Amino acid sequence: MNEAEESGGGVLQEIERMLGWLTRILLVFGTIALILMAVHVIADVVGRLAFSSPVYGTTEIVSFYYMVAAVCLPLAYMELRDEHITVDILYLKLPLLLRRIVFVFSGLVTALFFGLFAYRSWLDSLRAMATREMVMGNAFIEIWPSRYFLPIAFGLLVIVALLRVAKAIFTPAVAEEHLRPTVE
């Protein structure tokens, strides 16, 4: 490893450490949302069947809070750990330099795509907060706070994708496993 990789690697490692901490926090919140969703639904079913009294707003809270949190908040954690679903039949056959180029390109496209999602969902969140957005179903529930899950999750995913691109460019010797030469 040369001096540029060591100095760049140190900064990138520190950024990765901080992002790891943030992504784990969001993972914990997503996990908590999943557990709360299960408890809430079970309480609703028990209340409905045993006491003829369902829990107020279960459908709305599960749909607009728990599900969104459980699905979106862990996305950056999955990206940081390179655990998203990939199909790499042709990718693994490419020479190492071409794999790096494809990886950098796909990371930049990912960052752009989720950056646009983050931007649009941020604007939607601000609008929802300004109007104190509610949903009317079995109950009136304010849902505007849940609108912030998306820009937070997508924004952090963008930062993680850009970090992975930077690692592939500046420290390819310590970059992701799939950028290393394969045994053939």
Protein backbone atom coordinates (compact mmCIF):
# COMPACT_ATOMS: atom_id res chain seq x y z
CA MET A 1 0.00 0.00 0.00
CA ASN A 2 1.44 3.38 -0.93
CA GLU A 3 1.41 6.56 1.16
CA ALA A 4 -1.60 8.06 -0.66
CA GLU A 5 -3.66 4.95 0.05
CA GLU A 6 -2.62 4.97 3.71
CA SER A 7 -3.56 8.63 4.25
CA GLY A 8 -6.74 8.38 2.19
CA GLY A 9 -7.51 5.05 3.81
CA GLY A 10 -7.31 6.57 7.29
CA VAL A 11 -9.79 9.31 6.46
CA LEU A 12 -12.08 6.89 4.66
CA GLN A 13 -11.85 4.43 7.55
CA GLU A 14 -12.85 7.15 10.00
CA ILE A 15 -15.79 8.17 7.80
CA GLU A 16 -16.76 4.52 7.47
CA ARG A 17 -16.58 4.09 11.25
CA MET A 18 -18.92 7.07 11.79
CA LEU A 19 -21.27 5.88 9.07
CA GLY A 20 -21.23 2.41 10.59
CA TRP A 21 -22.38 3.91 13.87
CA LEU A 22 -25.16 5.93 12.19
CA THR A 23 -26.33 3.02 10.05
CA ARG A 24 -26.48 0.73 13.08
CA ILE A 25 -28.65 3.28 14.89
CA LEU A 26 -31.07 3.29 11.96
CA LEU A 27 -30.95 -0.50 11.88
CA VAL A 28 -31.90 -0.58 15.57
CA PHE A 29 -34.80 1.81 14.94
CA GLY A 30 -35.94 -0.33 12.01
CA THR A 31 -35.74 -3.44 14.20
CA ILE A 32 -37.67 -1.71 16.99
CA ALA A 33 -40.33 -0.72 14.43
CA LEU A 34 -40.59 -4.35 13.33
CA ILE A 35 -41.01 -5.56 16.92
CA LEU A 36 -43.54 -2.81 17.71
CA MET A 37 -45.46 -3.70 14.58
CA ALA A 38 -45.72 -7.34 15.67
CA VAL A 39 -46.77 -6.40 19.20
CA HIS A 40 -49.28 -3.84 17.93
CA VAL A 41 -50.88 -6.26 15.47
CA ILE A 42 -51.03 -9.05 18.08
CA ALA A 43 -52.61 -6.65 20.59
CA ASP A 44 -55.13 -5.59 17.94
CA VAL A 45 -56.05 -9.20 17.12
CA VAL A 46 -56.33 -10.18 20.79
CA GLY A 47 -58.32 -7.06 21.56
CA ARG A 48 -60.66 -7.66 18.67
CA LEU A 49 -61.21 -11.39 19.30
CA ALA A 50 -61.13 -11.54 23.09
CA PHE A 51 -62.62 -8.19 24.04
CA SER A 52 -64.41 -6.99 20.87
CA SER A 53 -62.25 -3.88 21.15
CA PRO A 54 -59.51 -3.49 18.52
CA VAL A 55 -56.54 -1.17 19.11
CA TYR A 56 -57.23 2.32 17.77
CA GLY A 57 -55.46 3.13 14.49
CA THR A 58 -53.59 -0.13 14.02
CA THR A 59 -53.84 -0.20 10.23
CA GLU A 60 -52.73 3.41 9.86
CA ILE A 61 -49.87 3.22 12.35
CA VAL A 62 -48.59 -0.06 10.93
CA SER A 63 -48.81 1.21 7.34
CA PHE A 64 -47.40 4.69 7.75
CA TYR A 65 -44.93 4.28 10.62
CA TYR A 66 -43.79 0.73 11.34
CA MET A 67 -43.58 -0.63 7.79
CA VAL A 68 -41.80 2.43 6.39
CA ALA A 69 -39.30 2.45 9.26
CA ALA A 70 -38.69 -1.31 9.10
CA VAL A 71 -38.08 -1.30 5.35
CA CYS A 72 -36.27 1.99 4.74
CA LEU A 73 -34.18 2.74 7.81
CA PRO A 74 -31.85 -0.30 7.43
CA LEU A 75 -31.08 0.43 3.74
CA ALA A 76 -27.82 2.32 4.41
CA TYR A 77 -26.65 -0.42 6.78
CA MET A 78 -27.20 -2.99 4.04
CA GLU A 79 -25.32 -0.83 1.52
CA LEU A 80 -22.39 -0.29 3.88
CA ARG A 81 -22.07 -4.04 4.41
CA ASP A 82 -22.52 -4.75 0.68
CA GLU A 83 -25.49 -7.00 1.43
CA HIS A 84 -27.97 -5.86 -1.19
CA ILE A 85 -29.03 -8.43 -3.74
CA THR A 86 -26.67 -8.50 -6.71
CA VAL A 87 -26.46 -10.51 -9.89
CA ASP A 88 -22.82 -10.76 -10.83
CA ILE A 89 -22.53 -13.62 -13.30
CA LEU A 90 -20.90 -11.44 -15.97
CA TYR A 91 -19.32 -9.00 -13.52
CA LEU A 92 -17.06 -11.65 -11.98
CA LYS A 93 -15.78 -12.61 -15.44
CA LEU A 94 -14.54 -9.05 -16.10
CA PRO A 95 -10.91 -8.06 -15.57
CA LEU A 96 -10.22 -6.30 -12.25
CA LEU A 97 -9.86 -2.80 -13.76
CA LEU A 98 -13.17 -3.13 -15.62
CA ARG A 99 -14.86 -4.42 -12.45
CA ARG A 100 -13.65 -1.33 -10.60
CA ILE A 101 -14.96 0.92 -13.36
CA VAL A 102 -18.35 -0.82 -13.33
CA PHE A 103 -18.45 -0.69 -9.53
CA VAL A 104 -17.66 3.05 -9.45
CA PHE A 105 -20.24 3.75 -12.16
CA SER A 106 -22.93 1.73 -10.38
CA GLY A 107 -22.10 3.43 -7.06
CA LEU A 108 -22.45 6.85 -8.65
CA VAL A 109 -25.75 5.85 -10.29
CA THR A 110 -26.97 4.52 -6.93
CA ALA A 111 -25.99 7.79 -5.23
CA LEU A 112 -27.74 9.83 -7.93
CA PHE A 113 -30.89 7.70 -7.86
CA PHE A 114 -31.26 7.72 -4.07
CA GLY A 115 -30.14 11.35 -3.94
CA LEU A 116 -33.11 12.26 -6.11
CA PHE A 117 -35.34 10.15 -3.85
CA ALA A 118 -33.92 11.87 -0.77
CA TYR A 119 -34.44 15.32 -2.25
CA ARG A 120 -38.01 14.63 -3.38
CA SER A 121 -38.97 12.92 -0.12
CA TRP A 122 -37.43 15.83 1.85
CA LEU A 123 -39.67 18.27 -0.04
CA ASP A 124 -42.66 15.99 0.57
CA SER A 125 -41.78 15.83 4.27
CA LEU A 126 -41.66 19.60 4.56
CA ARG A 127 -45.00 19.91 2.79
CA ALA A 128 -46.53 17.20 5.00
CA MET A 129 -45.27 18.93 8.13
CA ALA A 130 -46.57 22.32 6.99
CA THR A 131 -50.04 20.88 6.41
CA ARG A 132 -49.85 18.52 9.41
CA GLU A 133 -50.73 15.65 7.09
CA MET A 134 -53.18 13.12 8.49
CA VAL A 135 -54.67 9.90 7.24
CA MET A 136 -58.30 9.07 7.72
CA GLY A 137 -59.17 5.40 7.91
CA ASN A 138 -60.44 3.69 10.99
CA ALA A 139 -58.80 6.58 12.83
CA PHE A 140 -57.41 10.06 12.25
CA ILE A 141 -53.65 9.73 12.64
CA GLU A 142 -51.04 12.40 11.94
CA ILE A 143 -48.55 10.84 9.58
CA TRP A 144 -46.30 13.76 8.75
CA PRO A 145 -43.53 12.69 11.19
CA SER A 146 -43.15 9.38 9.37
CA ARG A 147 -42.46 11.23 6.13
CA TYR A 148 -38.98 12.06 7.47
CA PHE A 149 -37.94 8.39 7.55
CA LEU A 150 -37.41 8.40 3.78
CA PRO A 151 -35.08 11.39 3.35
CA ILE A 152 -33.06 10.32 6.38
CA ALA A 153 -32.68 6.75 5.11
CA PHE A 154 -32.06 7.71 1.49
CA GLY A 155 -29.68 10.55 2.40
CA LEU A 156 -27.53 8.25 4.51
CA LEU A 157 -27.60 5.64 1.76
CA VAL A 158 -26.25 8.26 -0.69
CA ILE A 159 -23.36 9.05 1.66
CA VAL A 160 -22.58 5.35 2.07
CA ALA A 161 -22.66 4.75 -1.69
CA LEU A 162 -20.27 7.66 -2.24
CA LEU A 163 -17.96 6.32 0.47
CA ARG A 164 -17.84 2.95 -1.24
CA VAL A 165 -17.01 4.68 -4.54
CA ALA A 166 -14.25 6.69 -2.85
CA LYS A 167 -12.81 3.51 -1.32
CA ALA A 168 -12.79 1.81 -4.71
CA ILE A 169 -10.99 4.78 -6.27
CA PHE A 170 -8.56 5.84 -3.54
CA THR A 171 -7.87 2.60 -1.69
CA PRO A 172 -8.52 -0.22 -4.13
CA ALA A 173 -6.18 -2.53 -2.22
CA VAL A 174 -8.54 -2.45 0.78
CA ALA A 175 -11.79 -1.99 -1.15
CA GLU A 176 -14.68 -4.40 -1.17
CA GLU A 177 -14.11 -8.10 -1.57
CA HIS A 178 -15.65 -8.23 -5.05
CA LEU A 179 -13.08 -5.75 -6.38
CA ARG A 180 -10.18 -8.05 -5.55
CA PRO A 181 -8.90 -10.48 -8.12
CA THR A 182 -10.73 -13.78 -8.19
CA VAL A 183 -9.07 -17.18 -8.24
CA GLU A 184 -9.74 -18.73 -11.59
